[in-house]
Amino acid sequence: EAAGLHVVAKAHFARGEDAAALASARAALEAFRKLGHGVGEAAAVGLLAQVSLRSDHGAALALAEQAHGLFLGLGDRRRAAMVQRTMLGAHLAAGETTDALKVARQLLSTSRELGDRHGEA
């Protein structure tokens, strides 16, 4: 059920249906938490951050930072780096170019360490 809710949330997000995406992502987050599924929880928080980026940069940043910490806590540096892209976008959307540059430098360093040419680009 949790994974299905996550997929539904992603579909709503892709269609620009932000309210439905947020509702489904929140339901997925709760379901993953009940299951004790850390990766799912972190992914749901990351998706909430992506959806929030369209309307609330501050909330998007806070959620992305939370997801980043969850992924790092799980030892998943690749997914943590993916969430940094949302953090970068939130800083840029808020006009916080200095903070955006810091995140971009961290993301570049991590991408190089992981051998992620796509992330490095």
C-alpha atoms as a PDB file:
ATOM      1  CA  GLU A   1       0.000   0.000   0.000  1.00  0.00           C
ATOM      2  CA  ALA A   2       2.757   2.470   0.945  1.00  0.00           C
ATOM      3  CA  ALA A   3       4.621   1.980  -2.330  1.00  0.00           C
ATOM      4  CA  GLY A   4       1.394   2.301  -4.284  1.00  0.00           C
ATOM      5  CA  LEU A   5       0.567   5.583  -2.571  1.00  0.00           C
ATOM      6  CA  HIS A   6       4.062   6.825  -3.397  1.00  0.00           C
ATOM      7  CA  VAL A   7       3.611   5.968  -7.071  1.00  0.00           C
ATOM      8  CA  VAL A   8       0.208   7.677  -7.115  1.00  0.00           C
ATOM      9  CA  ALA A   9       1.774  10.776  -5.534  1.00  0.00           C
ATOM     10  CA  LYS A  10       4.480  10.829  -8.220  1.00  0.00           C
ATOM     11  CA  ALA A  11       1.841  10.523 -10.938  1.00  0.00           C
ATOM     12  CA  HIS A  12      -0.144  13.443  -9.512  1.00  0.00           C
ATOM     13  CA  PHE A  13       3.062  15.470  -9.260  1.00  0.00           C
ATOM     14  CA  ALA A  14       3.942  14.746 -12.891  1.00  0.00           C
ATOM     15  CA  ARG A  15       0.486  15.933 -13.935  1.00  0.00           C
ATOM     16  CA  GLY A  16       0.799  19.160 -11.932  1.00  0.00           C
ATOM     17  CA  GLU A  17      -1.867  18.079  -9.457  1.00  0.00           C
ATOM     18  CA  ASP A  18      -0.040  19.360  -6.419  1.00  0.00           C
ATOM     19  CA  ALA A  19      -2.824  19.073  -3.823  1.00  0.00           C
ATOM     20  CA  ALA A  20      -3.430  15.438  -4.743  1.00  0.00           C
ATOM     21  CA  ALA A  21       0.319  14.779  -4.863  1.00  0.00           C
ATOM     22  CA  LEU A  22       0.780  16.212  -1.384  1.00  0.00           C
ATOM     23  CA  ALA A  23      -2.114  14.192   0.013  1.00  0.00           C
ATOM     24  CA  SER A  24      -0.864  10.943  -1.505  1.00  0.00           C
ATOM     25  CA  ALA A  25       2.739  11.603  -0.463  1.00  0.00           C
ATOM     26  CA  ARG A  26       1.644  12.329   3.111  1.00  0.00           C
ATOM     27  CA  ALA A  27      -0.381   9.101   3.150  1.00  0.00           C
ATOM     28  CA  ALA A  28       2.624   7.205   1.767  1.00  0.00           C
ATOM     29  CA  LEU A  29       4.867   8.751   4.424  1.00  0.00           C
ATOM     30  CA  GLU A  30       2.528   7.648   7.187  1.00  0.00           C
ATOM     31  CA  ALA A  31       2.272   4.142   5.725  1.00  0.00           C
ATOM     32  CA  PHE A  32       6.056   3.812   5.395  1.00  0.00           C
ATOM     33  CA  ARG A  33       6.492   5.019   8.986  1.00  0.00           C
ATOM     34  CA  LYS A  34       4.019   2.436  10.258  1.00  0.00           C
ATOM     35  CA  LEU A  35       5.989  -0.232   8.420  1.00  0.00           C
ATOM     36  CA  GLY A  36       9.296   1.053   9.767  1.00  0.00           C
ATOM     37  CA  HIS A  37      10.543   1.342   6.183  1.00  0.00           C
ATOM     38  CA  GLY A  38      13.280   3.975   6.387  1.00  0.00           C
ATOM     39  CA  VAL A  39      14.031   4.240   2.681  1.00  0.00           C
ATOM     40  CA  GLY A  40      10.351   4.630   1.862  1.00  0.00           C
ATOM     41  CA  GLU A  41       9.963   7.255   4.570  1.00  0.00           C
ATOM     42  CA  ALA A  42      12.932   9.230   3.258  1.00  0.00           C
ATOM     43  CA  ALA A  43      11.671   8.947  -0.314  1.00  0.00           C
ATOM     44  CA  ALA A  44       8.201  10.164   0.672  1.00  0.00           C
ATOM     45  CA  VAL A  45       9.692  13.157   2.506  1.00  0.00           C
ATOM     46  CA  GLY A  46      11.811  13.877  -0.571  1.00  0.00           C
ATOM     47  CA  LEU A  47       8.740  13.774  -2.787  1.00  0.00           C
ATOM     48  CA  LEU A  48       6.920  16.134  -0.417  1.00  0.00           C
ATOM     49  CA  ALA A  49       9.887  18.489  -0.808  1.00  0.00           C
ATOM     50  CA  GLN A  50       9.702  18.329  -4.609  1.00  0.00           C
ATOM     51  CA  VAL A  51       5.987  19.071  -4.663  1.00  0.00           C
ATOM     52  CA  SER A  52       6.366  21.876  -2.108  1.00  0.00           C
ATOM     53  CA  LEU A  53       9.055  23.505  -4.228  1.00  0.00           C
ATOM     54  CA  ARG A  54       6.339  24.750  -6.582  1.00  0.00           C
ATOM     55  CA  SER A  55       4.589  26.815  -3.931  1.00  0.00           C
ATOM     56  CA  ASP A  56       6.534  27.059  -0.662  1.00  0.00           C
ATOM     57  CA  HIS A  57      10.304  27.297  -0.959  1.00  0.00           C
ATOM     58  CA  GLY A  58      10.854  27.343   2.792  1.00  0.00           C
ATOM     59  CA  ALA A  59       8.823  24.180   3.354  1.00  0.00           C
ATOM     60  CA  ALA A  60      10.539  22.543   0.386  1.00  0.00           C
ATOM     61  CA  LEU A  61      13.959  23.294   1.834  1.00  0.00           C
ATOM     62  CA  ALA A  62      13.030  22.019   5.308  1.00  0.00           C
ATOM     63  CA  LEU A  63      11.583  18.802   3.869  1.00  0.00           C
ATOM     64  CA  ALA A  64      14.559  18.290   1.548  1.00  0.00           C
ATOM     65  CA  GLU A  65      16.969  18.756   4.451  1.00  0.00           C
ATOM     66  CA  GLN A  66      14.965  16.222   6.453  1.00  0.00           C
ATOM     67  CA  ALA A  67      15.018  13.701   3.592  1.00  0.00           C
ATOM     68  CA  HIS A  68      18.743  14.324   3.082  1.00  0.00           C
ATOM     69  CA  GLY A  69      19.422  13.550   6.729  1.00  0.00           C
ATOM     70  CA  LEU A  70      17.257  10.423   6.604  1.00  0.00           C
ATOM     71  CA  PHE A  71      19.077   9.084   3.552  1.00  0.00           C
ATOM     72  CA  LEU A  72      22.472   9.841   5.075  1.00  0.00           C
ATOM     73  CA  GLY A  73      21.378   8.101   8.249  1.00  0.00           C
ATOM     74  CA  LEU A  74      20.609   5.044   6.146  1.00  0.00           C
ATOM     75  CA  GLY A  75      24.023   5.261   4.471  1.00  0.00           C
ATOM     76  CA  ASP A  76      22.456   6.042   1.085  1.00  0.00           C
ATOM     77  CA  ARG A  77      24.662   8.803  -0.259  1.00  0.00           C
ATOM     78  CA  ARG A  78      23.306   8.484  -3.807  1.00  0.00           C
ATOM     79  CA  ARG A  79      19.736   9.245  -2.794  1.00  0.00           C
ATOM     80  CA  ALA A  80      20.942  11.899  -0.361  1.00  0.00           C
ATOM     81  CA  ALA A  81      22.651  13.612  -3.300  1.00  0.00           C
ATOM     82  CA  MET A  82      19.442  13.431  -5.327  1.00  0.00           C
ATOM     83  CA  VAL A  83      17.633  15.299  -2.552  1.00  0.00           C
ATOM     84  CA  GLN A  84      20.355  17.942  -2.591  1.00  0.00           C
ATOM     85  CA  ARG A  85      19.085  18.927  -6.042  1.00  0.00           C
ATOM     86  CA  THR A  86      15.775  19.870  -4.431  1.00  0.00           C
ATOM     87  CA  MET A  87      17.650  21.794  -1.735  1.00  0.00           C
ATOM     88  CA  LEU A  88      19.537  23.625  -4.470  1.00  0.00           C
ATOM     89  CA  GLY A  89      16.293  24.451  -6.273  1.00  0.00           C
ATOM     90  CA  ALA A  90      14.692  25.747  -3.083  1.00  0.00           C
ATOM     91  CA  HIS A  91      17.624  28.057  -2.399  1.00  0.00           C
ATOM     92  CA  LEU A  92      17.593  29.359  -5.959  1.00  0.00           C
ATOM     93  CA  ALA A  93      13.817  29.858  -5.948  1.00  0.00           C
ATOM     94  CA  ALA A  94      14.155  31.876  -2.738  1.00  0.00           C
ATOM     95  CA  GLY A  95      16.956  33.990  -4.231  1.00  0.00           C
ATOM     96  CA  GLU A  96      19.508  32.536  -1.813  1.00  0.00           C
ATOM     97  CA  THR A  97      22.341  32.257  -4.294  1.00  0.00           C
ATOM     98  CA  THR A  98      25.145  31.944  -1.739  1.00  0.00           C
ATOM     99  CA  ASP A  99      23.422  29.008  -0.052  1.00  0.00           C
ATOM    100  CA  ALA A 100      22.598  27.507  -3.443  1.00  0.00           C
ATOM    101  CA  LEU A 101      26.268  27.681  -4.421  1.00  0.00           C
ATOM    102  CA  LYS A 102      27.284  25.886  -1.199  1.00  0.00           C
ATOM    103  CA  VAL A 103      24.827  23.070  -1.901  1.00  0.00           C
ATOM    104  CA  ALA A 104      25.944  22.904  -5.537  1.00  0.00           C
ATOM    105  CA  ARG A 105      29.569  22.510  -4.475  1.00  0.00           C
ATOM    106  CA  GLN A 106      28.635  19.757  -2.003  1.00  0.00           C
ATOM    107  CA  LEU A 107      26.561  18.029  -4.661  1.00  0.00           C
ATOM    108  CA  LEU A 108      29.391  18.209  -7.176  1.00  0.00           C
ATOM    109  CA  SER A 109      31.851  16.765  -4.670  1.00  0.00           C
ATOM    110  CA  THR A 110      29.505  13.926  -3.724  1.00  0.00           C
ATOM    111  CA  SER A 111      28.720  13.167  -7.372  1.00  0.00           C
ATOM    112  CA  ARG A 112      32.422  12.912  -8.154  1.00  0.00           C
ATOM    113  CA  GLU A 113      33.050  10.656  -5.136  1.00  0.00           C
ATOM    114  CA  LEU A 114      30.205   8.374  -6.227  1.00  0.00           C
ATOM    115  CA  GLY A 115      31.323   8.360  -9.855  1.00  0.00           C
ATOM    116  CA  ASP A 116      27.986   9.848 -10.894  1.00  0.00           C
ATOM    117  CA  ARG A 117      28.726  11.596 -14.180  1.00  0.00           C
ATOM    118  CA  HIS A 118      25.076  12.600 -14.612  1.00  0.00           C
ATOM    119  CA  GLY A 119      25.004  14.221 -11.173  1.00  0.00           C
ATOM    120  CA  GLU A 120      28.345  15.859 -11.864  1.00  0.00           C
ATOM    121  CA  ALA A 121      27.024  17.437 -15.057  1.00  0.00           C
END
